Amino acid sequence: MKCQHKNLAKGRWNKLCFASQMANIGSEVIRTINWRQKGNPKYSQLAFFRALELLDLTISDKKNISRLKELVRLREVLADYFSFDNIYKSSDQKWQNYFMAFNFLYWNQKV
């Protein structure tokens, strides 16, 4: 898979706080959902690949080592929902709620 976030992959991503990283991943997940609802599987898939790429950068960020189990499970459940059989019974609304919490956290930290 081609790297879409080259500047972030060069180390800029690791300078972001965890809440910001997760909020950015959430933005791509929300794009994935929105494109899928609009009936555009190509753009939905591209957004999903970008979300996975950002999640992989977050997983590899050393400051997130204490969250590694949650992050790897998150990747597994996202892949299950968007690419496989949804055995974990996720929904668009559940993903939106999950990632919205990180947006609130990020913006409340900045105040």
PDB file of N, CA and C in Angstrom:
ATOM      1  N   MET A   1       0.840  -1.165   0.000  1.00  0.00           N
ATOM      2  CA  MET A   1       0.000   0.000   0.000  1.00  0.00           C
ATOM      3  C   MET A   1       0.894   1.240   0.000  1.00  0.00           C
ATOM      4  N   LYS A   2       0.546   2.203  -0.825  1.00  0.00           N
ATOM      5  CA  LYS A   2       1.296   3.445  -0.944  1.00  0.00           C
ATOM      6  C   LYS A   2       1.071   4.329   0.281  1.00  0.00           C
ATOM      7  N   CYS A   3       2.138   4.910   0.783  1.00  0.00           N
ATOM      8  CA  CYS A   3       2.059   5.789   1.950  1.00  0.00           C
ATOM      9  C   CYS A   3       1.393   7.110   1.564  1.00  0.00           C
ATOM     10  N   GLN A   4       0.289   7.437   2.216  1.00  0.00           N
ATOM     11  CA  GLN A   4      -0.447   8.660   1.930  1.00  0.00           C
ATOM     12  C   GLN A   4      -0.009   9.829   2.811  1.00  0.00           C
ATOM     13  N   HIS A   5       0.541   9.536   3.948  1.00  0.00           N
ATOM     14  CA  HIS A   5       0.905  10.567   4.928  1.00  0.00           C
ATOM     15  C   HIS A   5       2.423  10.594   5.109  1.00  0.00           C
ATOM     16  N   LYS A   6       3.137  10.961   4.061  1.00  0.00           N
ATOM     17  CA  LYS A   6       4.599  10.885   4.085  1.00  0.00           C
ATOM     18  C   LYS A   6       5.222  11.793   5.139  1.00  0.00           C
ATOM     19  N   ASN A   7       4.738  13.023   5.250  1.00  0.00           N
ATOM     20  CA  ASN A   7       5.298  13.945   6.253  1.00  0.00           C
ATOM     21  C   ASN A   7       5.033  13.445   7.666  1.00  0.00           C
ATOM     22  N   LEU A   8       3.865  12.911   7.878  1.00  0.00           N
ATOM     23  CA  LEU A   8       3.543  12.385   9.203  1.00  0.00           C
ATOM     24  C   LEU A   8       4.397  11.164   9.524  1.00  0.00           C
ATOM     25  N   ALA A   9       4.608  10.320   8.516  1.00  0.00           N
ATOM     26  CA  ALA A   9       5.394   9.099   8.721  1.00  0.00           C
ATOM     27  C   ALA A   9       6.853   9.413   9.022  1.00  0.00           C
ATOM     28  N   LYS A  10       7.328  10.583   8.634  1.00  0.00           N
ATOM     29  CA  LYS A  10       8.727  10.959   8.883  1.00  0.00           C
ATOM     30  C   LYS A  10       8.969  11.449  10.303  1.00  0.00           C
ATOM     31  N   GLY A  11       7.964  11.399  11.149  1.00  0.00           N
ATOM     32  CA  GLY A  11       8.156  11.760  12.546  1.00  0.00           C
ATOM     33  C   GLY A  11       7.214  12.824  13.055  1.00  0.00           C
ATOM     34  N   ARG A  12       6.561  13.533  12.165  1.00  0.00           N
ATOM     35  CA  ARG A  12       5.639  14.586  12.615  1.00  0.00           C
ATOM     36  C   ARG A  12       4.471  14.016  13.405  1.00  0.00           C
ATOM     37  N   TRP A  13       4.031  12.821  13.053  1.00  0.00           N
ATOM     38  CA  TRP A  13       2.911  12.181  13.744  1.00  0.00           C
ATOM     39  C   TRP A  13       3.230  11.954  15.213  1.00  0.00           C
ATOM     40  N   ASN A  14       4.460  11.564  15.494  1.00  0.00           N
ATOM     41  CA  ASN A  14       4.862  11.263  16.871  1.00  0.00           C
ATOM     42  C   ASN A  14       4.887  12.505  17.759  1.00  0.00           C
ATOM     43  N   LYS A  15       4.895  13.688  17.158  1.00  0.00           N
ATOM     44  CA  LYS A  15       4.880  14.928  17.932  1.00  0.00           C
ATOM     45  C   LYS A  15       3.469  15.297  18.392  1.00  0.00           C
ATOM     46  N   LEU A  16       2.457  14.680  17.796  1.00  0.00           N
ATOM     47  CA  LEU A  16       1.073  14.944  18.188  1.00  0.00           C
ATOM     48  C   LEU A  16       0.741  14.186  19.465  1.00  0.00           C
ATOM     49  N   CYS A  17      -0.128  14.767  20.278  1.00  0.00           N
ATOM     50  CA  CYS A  17      -0.574  14.058  21.479  1.00  0.00           C
ATOM     51  C   CYS A  17      -1.492  12.902  21.066  1.00  0.00           C
ATOM     52  N   PHE A  18      -1.696  11.980  21.982  1.00  0.00           N
ATOM     53  CA  PHE A  18      -2.506  10.801  21.697  1.00  0.00           C
ATOM     54  C   PHE A  18      -3.921  11.174  21.268  1.00  0.00           C
ATOM     55  N   ALA A  19      -4.533  12.142  21.972  1.00  0.00           N
ATOM     56  CA  ALA A  19      -5.903  12.546  21.628  1.00  0.00           C
ATOM     57  C   ALA A  19      -5.974  13.091  20.209  1.00  0.00           C
ATOM     58  N   SER A  20      -4.980  13.841  19.808  1.00  0.00           N
ATOM     59  CA  SER A  20      -4.941  14.380  18.446  1.00  0.00           C
ATOM     60  C   SER A  20      -4.766  13.261  17.420  1.00  0.00           C
ATOM     61  N   GLN A  21      -3.902  12.315  17.717  1.00  0.00           N
ATOM     62  CA  GLN A  21      -3.714  11.171  16.816  1.00  0.00           C
ATOM     63  C   GLN A  21      -5.034  10.430  16.619  1.00  0.00           C
ATOM     64  N   MET A  22      -5.710  10.145  17.726  1.00  0.00           N
ATOM     65  CA  MET A  22      -6.957   9.396  17.644  1.00  0.00           C
ATOM     66  C   MET A  22      -8.057  10.201  16.951  1.00  0.00           C
ATOM     67  N   ALA A  23      -8.103  11.501  17.189  1.00  0.00           N
ATOM     68  CA  ALA A  23      -9.098  12.345  16.523  1.00  0.00           C
ATOM     69  C   ALA A  23      -8.869  12.351  15.007  1.00  0.00           C
ATOM     70  N   ASN A  24      -7.614  12.368  14.593  1.00  0.00           N
ATOM     71  CA  ASN A  24      -7.308  12.330  13.167  1.00  0.00           C
ATOM     72  C   ASN A  24      -7.672  10.987  12.545  1.00  0.00           C
ATOM     73  N   ILE A  25      -7.414   9.916  13.261  1.00  0.00           N
ATOM     74  CA  ILE A  25      -7.834   8.594  12.782  1.00  0.00           C
ATOM     75  C   ILE A  25      -9.353   8.580  12.652  1.00  0.00           C
ATOM     76  N   GLY A  26     -10.012   9.125  13.656  1.00  0.00           N
ATOM     77  CA  GLY A  26     -11.469   9.196  13.639  1.00  0.00           C
ATOM     78  C   GLY A  26     -12.002   9.963  12.441  1.00  0.00           C
ATOM     79  N   SER A  27     -11.330  11.027  12.050  1.00  0.00           N
ATOM     80  CA  SER A  27     -11.759  11.787  10.872  1.00  0.00           C
ATOM     81  C   SER A  27     -11.772  10.913   9.632  1.00  0.00           C
ATOM     82  N   GLU A  28     -10.752  10.088   9.497  1.00  0.00           N
ATOM     83  CA  GLU A  28     -10.698   9.181   8.333  1.00  0.00           C
ATOM     84  C   GLU A  28     -11.763   8.092   8.439  1.00  0.00           C
ATOM     85  N   VAL A  29     -12.019   7.612   9.638  1.00  0.00           N
ATOM     86  CA  VAL A  29     -13.070   6.602   9.817  1.00  0.00           C
ATOM     87  C   VAL A  29     -14.434   7.205   9.468  1.00  0.00           C
ATOM     88  N   ILE A  30     -14.680   8.436   9.904  1.00  0.00           N
ATOM     89  CA  ILE A  30     -15.939   9.104   9.580  1.00  0.00           C
ATOM     90  C   ILE A  30     -16.048   9.313   8.072  1.00  0.00           C
ATOM     91  N   ARG A  31     -14.953   9.666   7.415  1.00  0.00           N
ATOM     92  CA  ARG A  31     -14.968   9.781   5.945  1.00  0.00           C
ATOM     93  C   ARG A  31     -15.302   8.430   5.306  1.00  0.00           C
ATOM     94  N   THR A  32     -14.731   7.375   5.855  1.00  0.00           N
ATOM     95  CA  THR A  32     -15.017   6.028   5.352  1.00  0.00           C
ATOM     96  C   THR A  32     -16.517   5.745   5.417  1.00  0.00           C
ATOM     97  N   ILE A  33     -17.105   6.041   6.553  1.00  0.00           N
ATOM     98  CA  ILE A  33     -18.540   5.822   6.751  1.00  0.00           C
ATOM     99  C   ILE A  33     -19.353   6.688   5.804  1.00  0.00           C
ATOM    100  N   ASN A  34     -19.004   7.965   5.710  1.00  0.00           N
ATOM    101  CA  ASN A  34     -19.766   8.882   4.856  1.00  0.00           C
ATOM    102  C   ASN A  34     -19.716   8.478   3.385  1.00  0.00           C
ATOM    103  N   TRP A  35     -18.539   8.118   2.899  1.00  0.00           N
ATOM    104  CA  TRP A  35     -18.441   7.695   1.499  1.00  0.00           C
ATOM    105  C   TRP A  35     -19.203   6.402   1.258  1.00  0.00           C
ATOM    106  N   ARG A  36     -19.163   5.493   2.223  1.00  0.00           N
ATOM    107  CA  ARG A  36     -19.903   4.245   2.070  1.00  0.00           C
ATOM    108  C   ARG A  36     -21.406   4.521   2.019  1.00  0.00           C
ATOM    109  N   GLN A  37     -21.888   5.424   2.876  1.00  0.00           N
ATOM    110  CA  GLN A  37     -23.316   5.769   2.883  1.00  0.00           C
ATOM    111  C   GLN A  37     -23.737   6.470   1.587  1.00  0.00           C
ATOM    112  N   LYS A  38     -22.803   7.174   0.974  1.00  0.00           N
ATOM    113  CA  LYS A  38     -23.094   7.849  -0.301  1.00  0.00           C
ATOM    114  C   LYS A  38     -22.990   6.892  -1.494  1.00  0.00           C
ATOM    115  N   GLY A  39     -22.616   5.650  -1.232  1.00  0.00           N
ATOM    116  CA  GLY A  39     -22.531   4.657  -2.294  1.00  0.00           C
ATOM    117  C   GLY A  39     -21.270   4.752  -3.131  1.00  0.00           C
ATOM    118  N   ASN A  40     -20.192   5.237  -2.534  1.00  0.00           N
ATOM    119  CA  ASN A  40     -18.930   5.340  -3.253  1.00  0.00           C
ATOM    120  C   ASN A  40     -17.887   4.442  -2.584  1.00  0.00           C
ATOM    121  N   PRO A  41     -17.862   3.162  -2.959  1.00  0.00           N
ATOM    122  CA  PRO A  41     -16.964   2.222  -2.283  1.00  0.00           C
ATOM    123  C   PRO A  41     -15.484   2.528  -2.511  1.00  0.00           C
ATOM    124  N   LYS A  42     -15.142   3.122  -3.661  1.00  0.00           N
ATOM    125  CA  LYS A  42     -13.731   3.428  -3.934  1.00  0.00           C
ATOM    126  C   LYS A  42     -13.205   4.462  -2.938  1.00  0.00           C
ATOM    127  N   TYR A  43     -13.900   5.575  -2.780  1.00  0.00           N
ATOM    128  CA  TYR A  43     -13.458   6.607  -1.855  1.00  0.00           C
ATOM    129  C   TYR A  43     -13.544   6.125  -0.406  1.00  0.00           C
ATOM    130  N   SER A  44     -14.530   5.306  -0.120  1.00  0.00           N
ATOM    131  CA  SER A  44     -14.661   4.741   1.213  1.00  0.00           C
ATOM    132  C   SER A  44     -13.439   3.884   1.538  1.00  0.00           C
ATOM    133  N   GLN A  45     -13.042   3.057   0.605  1.00  0.00           N
ATOM    134  CA  GLN A  45     -11.882   2.187   0.813  1.00  0.00           C
ATOM    135  C   GLN A  45     -10.598   3.010   0.966  1.00  0.00           C
ATOM    136  N   LEU A  46     -10.452   4.059   0.157  1.00  0.00           N
ATOM    137  CA  LEU A  46      -9.260   4.910   0.271  1.00  0.00           C
ATOM    138  C   LEU A  46      -9.191   5.584   1.643  1.00  0.00           C
ATOM    139  N   ALA A  47     -10.322   6.073   2.129  1.00  0.00           N
ATOM    140  CA  ALA A  47     -10.359   6.691   3.457  1.00  0.00           C
ATOM    141  C   ALA A  47     -10.030   5.649   4.530  1.00  0.00           C
ATOM    142  N   PHE A  48     -10.534   4.438   4.367  1.00  0.00           N
ATOM    143  CA  PHE A  48     -10.254   3.378   5.324  1.00  0.00           C
ATOM    144  C   PHE A  48      -8.760   3.042   5.348  1.00  0.00           C
ATOM    145  N   PHE A  49      -8.136   2.982   4.188  1.00  0.00           N
ATOM    146  CA  PHE A  49      -6.693   2.716   4.138  1.00  0.00           C
ATOM    147  C   PHE A  49      -5.905   3.835   4.812  1.00  0.00           C
ATOM    148  N   ARG A  50      -6.351   5.081   4.640  1.00  0.00           N
ATOM    149  CA  ARG A  50      -5.686   6.198   5.317  1.00  0.00           C
ATOM    150  C   ARG A  50      -5.849   6.071   6.832  1.00  0.00           C
ATOM    151  N   ALA A  51      -7.033   5.665   7.280  1.00  0.00           N
ATOM    152  CA  ALA A  51      -7.261   5.465   8.719  1.00  0.00           C
ATOM    153  C   ALA A  51      -6.330   4.385   9.260  1.00  0.00           C
ATOM    154  N   LEU A  52      -6.199   3.290   8.534  1.00  0.00           N
ATOM    155  CA  LEU A  52      -5.299   2.219   8.969  1.00  0.00           C
ATOM    156  C   LEU A  52      -3.852   2.697   9.009  1.00  0.00           C
ATOM    157  N   GLU A  53      -3.467   3.487   8.031  1.00  0.00           N
ATOM    158  CA  GLU A  53      -2.102   4.002   8.003  1.00  0.00           C
ATOM    159  C   GLU A  53      -1.832   4.876   9.238  1.00  0.00           C
ATOM    160  N   LEU A  54      -2.759   5.758   9.564  1.00  0.00           N
ATOM    161  CA  LEU A  54      -2.596   6.598  10.748  1.00  0.00           C
ATOM    162  C   LEU A  54      -2.609   5.764  12.021  1.00  0.00           C
ATOM    163  N   LEU A  55      -3.457   4.757  12.054  1.00  0.00           N
ATOM    164  CA  LEU A  55      -3.496   3.875  13.216  1.00  0.00           C
ATOM    165  C   LEU A  55      -2.175   3.118  13.362  1.00  0.00           C
ATOM    166  N   ASP A  56      -1.608   2.674  12.257  1.00  0.00           N
ATOM    167  CA  ASP A  56      -0.310   1.991  12.317  1.00  0.00           C
ATOM    168  C   ASP A  56       0.786   2.926  12.826  1.00  0.00           C
ATOM    169  N   LEU A  57       0.742   4.194  12.417  1.00  0.00           N
ATOM    170  CA  LEU A  57       1.708   5.170  12.934  1.00  0.00           C
ATOM    171  C   LEU A  57       1.524   5.355  14.441  1.00  0.00           C
ATOM    172  N   THR A  58       0.285   5.362  14.891  1.00  0.00           N
ATOM    173  CA  THR A  58      -0.010   5.503  16.317  1.00  0.00           C
ATOM    174  C   THR A  58       0.481   4.280  17.088  1.00  0.00           C
ATOM    175  N   ILE A  59       0.265   3.110  16.524  1.00  0.00           N
ATOM    176  CA  ILE A  59       0.736   1.869  17.151  1.00  0.00           C
ATOM    177  C   ILE A  59       2.258   1.873  17.287  1.00  0.00           C
ATOM    178  N   SER A  60       2.953   2.398  16.289  1.00  0.00           N
ATOM    179  CA  SER A  60       4.417   2.378  16.316  1.00  0.00           C
ATOM    180  C   SER A  60       5.023   3.526  17.133  1.00  0.00           C
ATOM    181  N   ASP A  61       4.210   4.465  17.581  1.00  0.00           N
ATOM    182  CA  ASP A  61       4.688   5.593  18.388  1.00  0.00           C
ATOM    183  C   ASP A  61       5.003   5.099  19.798  1.00  0.00           C
ATOM    184  N   LYS A  62       6.247   5.251  20.207  1.00  0.00           N
ATOM    185  CA  LYS A  62       6.709   4.707  21.491  1.00  0.00           C
ATOM    186  C   LYS A  62       5.963   5.272  22.700  1.00  0.00           C
ATOM    187  N   LYS A  63       5.445   6.497  22.604  1.00  0.00           N
ATOM    188  CA  LYS A  63       4.747   7.061  23.766  1.00  0.00           C
ATOM    189  C   LYS A  63       3.416   6.367  24.017  1.00  0.00           C
ATOM    190  N   ASN A  64       2.948   5.589  23.050  1.00  0.00           N
ATOM    191  CA  ASN A  64       1.664   4.900  23.178  1.00  0.00           C
ATOM    192  C   ASN A  64       1.807   3.439  23.580  1.00  0.00           C
ATOM    193  N   ILE A  65       2.969   3.057  24.058  1.00  0.00           N
ATOM    194  CA  ILE A  65       3.217   1.652  24.384  1.00  0.00           C
ATOM    195  C   ILE A  65       2.232   1.130  25.426  1.00  0.00           C
ATOM    196  N   SER A  66       1.810   1.964  26.356  1.00  0.00           N
ATOM    197  CA  SER A  66       0.873   1.504  27.385  1.00  0.00           C
ATOM    198  C   SER A  66      -0.529   1.275  26.817  1.00  0.00           C
ATOM    199  N   ARG A  67      -0.768   1.793  25.624  1.00  0.00           N
ATOM    200  CA  ARG A  67      -2.074   1.639  24.966  1.00  0.00           C
ATOM    201  C   ARG A  67      -2.031   0.628  23.823  1.00  0.00           C
ATOM    202  N   LEU A  68      -0.936  -0.069  23.712  1.00  0.00           N
ATOM    203  CA  LEU A  68      -0.725  -0.958  22.570  1.00  0.00           C
ATOM    204  C   LEU A  68      -1.826  -2.001  22.418  1.00  0.00           C
ATOM    205  N   LYS A  69      -2.238  -2.615  23.500  1.00  0.00           N
ATOM    206  CA  LYS A  69      -3.277  -3.649  23.438  1.00  0.00           C
ATOM    207  C   LYS A  69      -4.576  -3.074  22.868  1.00  0.00           C
ATOM    208  N   GLU A  70      -4.985  -1.905  23.357  1.00  0.00           N
ATOM    209  CA  GLU A  70      -6.211  -1.276  22.856  1.00  0.00           C
ATOM    210  C   GLU A  70      -6.078  -0.896  21.382  1.00  0.00           C
ATOM    211  N   LEU A  71      -4.924  -0.360  21.001  1.00  0.00           N
ATOM    212  CA  LEU A  71      -4.725   0.085  19.621  1.00  0.00           C
ATOM    213  C   LEU A  71      -4.740  -1.082  18.635  1.00  0.00           C
ATOM    214  N   VAL A  72      -4.104  -2.173  19.013  1.00  0.00           N
ATOM    215  CA  VAL A  72      -4.081  -3.341  18.131  1.00  0.00           C
ATOM    216  C   VAL A  72      -5.476  -3.949  18.025  1.00  0.00           C
ATOM    217  N   ARG A  73      -6.200  -3.981  19.131  1.00  0.00           N
ATOM    218  CA  ARG A  73      -7.579  -4.474  19.097  1.00  0.00           C
ATOM    219  C   ARG A  73      -8.455  -3.544  18.254  1.00  0.00           C
ATOM    220  N   LEU A  74      -8.243  -2.241  18.383  1.00  0.00           N
ATOM    221  CA  LEU A  74      -8.979  -1.270  17.569  1.00  0.00           C
ATOM    222  C   LEU A  74      -8.772  -1.554  16.087  1.00  0.00           C
ATOM    223  N   ARG A  75      -7.534  -1.838  15.705  1.00  0.00           N
ATOM    224  CA  ARG A  75      -7.241  -2.139  14.293  1.00  0.00           C
ATOM    225  C   ARG A  75      -7.988  -3.396  13.849  1.00  0.00           C
ATOM    226  N   GLU A  76      -7.985  -4.392  14.702  1.00  0.00           N
ATOM    227  CA  GLU A  76      -8.672  -5.648  14.400  1.00  0.00           C
ATOM    228  C   GLU A  76     -10.180  -5.428  14.207  1.00  0.00           C
ATOM    229  N   VAL A  77     -10.792  -4.671  15.096  1.00  0.00           N
ATOM    230  CA  VAL A  77     -12.239  -4.473  15.040  1.00  0.00           C
ATOM    231  C   VAL A  77     -12.624  -3.564  13.867  1.00  0.00           C
ATOM    232  N   LEU A  78     -11.803  -2.550  13.578  1.00  0.00           N
ATOM    233  CA  LEU A  78     -12.051  -1.710  12.398  1.00  0.00           C
ATOM    234  C   LEU A  78     -11.987  -2.537  11.117  1.00  0.00           C
ATOM    235  N   ALA A  79     -10.961  -3.353  11.011  1.00  0.00           N
ATOM    236  CA  ALA A  79     -10.825  -4.203   9.819  1.00  0.00           C
ATOM    237  C   ALA A  79     -12.009  -5.160   9.698  1.00  0.00           C
ATOM    238  N   ASP A  80     -12.431  -5.722  10.820  1.00  0.00           N
ATOM    239  CA  ASP A  80     -13.585  -6.616  10.822  1.00  0.00           C
ATOM    240  C   ASP A  80     -14.828  -5.889  10.319  1.00  0.00           C
ATOM    241  N   TYR A  81     -15.031  -4.670  10.774  1.00  0.00           N
ATOM    242  CA  TYR A  81     -16.244  -3.933  10.410  1.00  0.00           C
ATOM    243  C   TYR A  81     -16.251  -3.504   8.948  1.00  0.00           C
ATOM    244  N   PHE A  82     -15.138  -2.964   8.480  1.00  0.00           N
ATOM    245  CA  PHE A  82     -15.128  -2.407   7.127  1.00  0.00           C
ATOM    246  C   PHE A  82     -14.727  -3.395   6.041  1.00  0.00           C
ATOM    247  N   SER A  83     -14.063  -4.494   6.414  1.00  0.00           N
ATOM    248  CA  SER A  83     -13.567  -5.400   5.370  1.00  0.00           C
ATOM    249  C   SER A  83     -13.992  -6.852   5.520  1.00  0.00           C
ATOM    250  N   PHE A  84     -14.535  -7.226   6.668  1.00  0.00           N
ATOM    251  CA  PHE A  84     -14.850  -8.626   6.869  1.00  0.00           C
ATOM    252  C   PHE A  84     -16.300  -8.816   7.313  1.00  0.00           C
ATOM    253  N   ASP A  85     -16.565  -9.698   8.267  1.00  0.00           N
ATOM    254  CA  ASP A  85     -17.926 -10.130   8.591  1.00  0.00           C
ATOM    255  C   ASP A  85     -18.587  -9.409   9.766  1.00  0.00           C
ATOM    256  N   ASN A  86     -17.916  -8.442  10.348  1.00  0.00           N
ATOM    257  CA  ASN A  86     -18.448  -7.685  11.481  1.00  0.00           C
ATOM    258  C   ASN A  86     -18.868  -8.615  12.631  1.00  0.00           C
ATOM    259  N   ILE A  87     -17.976  -9.501  13.006  1.00  0.00           N
ATOM    260  CA  ILE A  87     -18.283 -10.445  14.088  1.00  0.00           C
ATOM    261  C   ILE A  87     -18.386  -9.740  15.440  1.00  0.00           C
ATOM    262  N   TYR A  88     -17.815  -8.529  15.546  1.00  0.00           N
ATOM    263  CA  TYR A  88     -17.891  -7.778  16.804  1.00  0.00           C
ATOM    264  C   TYR A  88     -19.147  -6.909  16.882  1.00  0.00           C
ATOM    265  N   LYS A  89     -19.961  -6.954  15.844  1.00  0.00           N
ATOM    266  CA  LYS A  89     -21.254  -6.245  15.810  1.00  0.00           C
ATOM    267  C   LYS A  89     -21.101  -4.728  15.989  1.00  0.00           C
ATOM    268  N   SER A  90     -20.131  -4.155  15.295  1.00  0.00           N
ATOM    269  CA  SER A  90     -19.952  -2.709  15.298  1.00  0.00           C
ATOM    270  C   SER A  90     -21.030  -2.054  14.439  1.00  0.00           C
ATOM    271  N   SER A  91     -21.133  -0.744  14.567  1.00  0.00           N
ATOM    272  CA  SER A  91     -22.061   0.019  13.733  1.00  0.00           C
ATOM    273  C   SER A  91     -21.443   1.380  13.442  1.00  0.00           C
ATOM    274  N   ASP A  92     -21.976   2.050  12.431  1.00  0.00           N
ATOM    275  CA  ASP A  92     -21.500   3.396  12.109  1.00  0.00           C
ATOM    276  C   ASP A  92     -21.602   4.293  13.337  1.00  0.00           C
ATOM    277  N   GLN A  93     -22.747   4.237  14.021  1.00  0.00           N
ATOM    278  CA  GLN A  93     -22.973   5.100  15.182  1.00  0.00           C
ATOM    279  C   GLN A  93     -21.982   4.809  16.308  1.00  0.00           C
ATOM    280  N   LYS A  94     -21.667   3.546  16.529  1.00  0.00           N
ATOM    281  CA  LYS A  94     -20.709   3.200  17.582  1.00  0.00           C
ATOM    282  C   LYS A  94     -19.328   3.766  17.263  1.00  0.00           C
ATOM    283  N   TRP A  95     -18.924   3.696  15.998  1.00  0.00           N
ATOM    284  CA  TRP A  95     -17.624   4.248  15.616  1.00  0.00           C
ATOM    285  C   TRP A  95     -17.612   5.765  15.740  1.00  0.00           C
ATOM    286  N   GLN A  96     -18.691   6.394  15.340  1.00  0.00           N
ATOM    287  CA  GLN A  96     -18.766   7.851  15.464  1.00  0.00           C
ATOM    288  C   GLN A  96     -18.678   8.265  16.932  1.00  0.00           C
ATOM    289  N   ASN A  97     -19.383   7.580  17.797  1.00  0.00           N
ATOM    290  CA  ASN A  97     -19.340   7.884  19.231  1.00  0.00           C
ATOM    291  C   ASN A  97     -17.948   7.655  19.816  1.00  0.00           C
ATOM    292  N   TYR A  98     -17.320   6.555  19.436  1.00  0.00           N
ATOM    293  CA  TYR A  98     -15.989   6.224  19.951  1.00  0.00           C
ATOM    294  C   TYR A  98     -14.987   7.324  19.616  1.00  0.00           C
ATOM    295  N   PHE A  99     -14.965   7.718  18.361  1.00  0.00           N
ATOM    296  CA  PHE A  99     -13.963   8.700  17.951  1.00  0.00           C
ATOM    297  C   PHE A  99     -14.334  10.123  18.352  1.00  0.00           C
ATOM    298  N   MET A 100     -15.606  10.419  18.513  1.00  0.00           N
ATOM    299  CA  MET A 100     -16.015  11.748  18.945  1.00  0.00           C
ATOM    300  C   MET A 100     -15.462  12.052  20.341  1.00  0.00           C
ATOM    301  N   ALA A 101     -15.347  11.040  21.161  1.00  0.00           N
ATOM    302  CA  ALA A 101     -14.792  11.233  22.499  1.00  0.00           C
ATOM    303  C   ALA A 101     -13.362  11.781  22.426  1.00  0.00           C
ATOM    304  N   PHE A 102     -12.591  11.348  21.448  1.00  0.00           N
ATOM    305  CA  PHE A 102     -11.223  11.845  21.302  1.00  0.00           C
ATOM    306  C   PHE A 102     -11.204  13.288  20.810  1.00  0.00           C
ATOM    307  N   ASN A 103     -12.178  13.653  19.989  1.00  0.00           N
ATOM    308  CA  ASN A 103     -12.287  15.059  19.579  1.00  0.00           C
ATOM    309  C   ASN A 103     -12.552  15.935  20.796  1.00  0.00           C
ATOM    310  N   PHE A 104     -13.483  15.529  21.642  1.00  0.00           N
ATOM    311  CA  PHE A 104     -13.786  16.287  22.852  1.00  0.00           C
ATOM    312  C   PHE A 104     -12.551  16.370  23.759  1.00  0.00           C
ATOM    313  N   LEU A 105     -11.882  15.252  23.942  1.00  0.00           N
ATOM    314  CA  LEU A 105     -10.692  15.224  24.775  1.00  0.00           C
ATOM    315  C   LEU A 105      -9.637  16.183  24.242  1.00  0.00           C
ATOM    316  N   TYR A 106      -9.376  16.119  22.956  1.00  0.00           N
ATOM    317  CA  TYR A 106      -8.359  16.981  22.346  1.00  0.00           C
ATOM    318  C   TYR A 106      -8.702  18.457  22.536  1.00  0.00           C
ATOM    319  N   TRP A 107      -9.924  18.833  22.213  1.00  0.00           N
ATOM    320  CA  TRP A 107     -10.304  20.243  22.288  1.00  0.00           C
ATOM    321  C   TRP A 107     -10.390  20.730  23.729  1.00  0.00           C
ATOM    322  N   ASN A 108     -10.729  19.864  24.658  1.00  0.00           N
ATOM    323  CA  ASN A 108     -10.746  20.261  26.071  1.00  0.00           C
ATOM    324  C   ASN A 108      -9.341  20.417  26.635  1.00  0.00           C
ATOM    325  N   GLN A 109      -8.377  19.693  26.096  1.00  0.00           N
ATOM    326  CA  GLN A 109      -6.987  19.845  26.522  1.00  0.00           C
ATOM    327  C   GLN A 109      -6.426  21.192  26.068  1.00  0.00           C
ATOM    328  N   LYS A 110      -6.903  21.694  24.945  1.00  0.00           N
ATOM    329  CA  LYS A 110      -6.385  22.944  24.389  1.00  0.00           C
ATOM    330  C   LYS A 110      -6.930  24.167  25.105  1.00  0.00           C
ATOM    331  N   VAL A 111      -8.023  24.022  25.839  1.00  0.00           N
ATOM    332  CA  VAL A 111      -8.649  25.181  26.502  1.00  0.00           C
ATOM    333  C   VAL A 111      -7.874  25.571  27.731  1.00  0.00           C
TER     334      VAL A 111
END
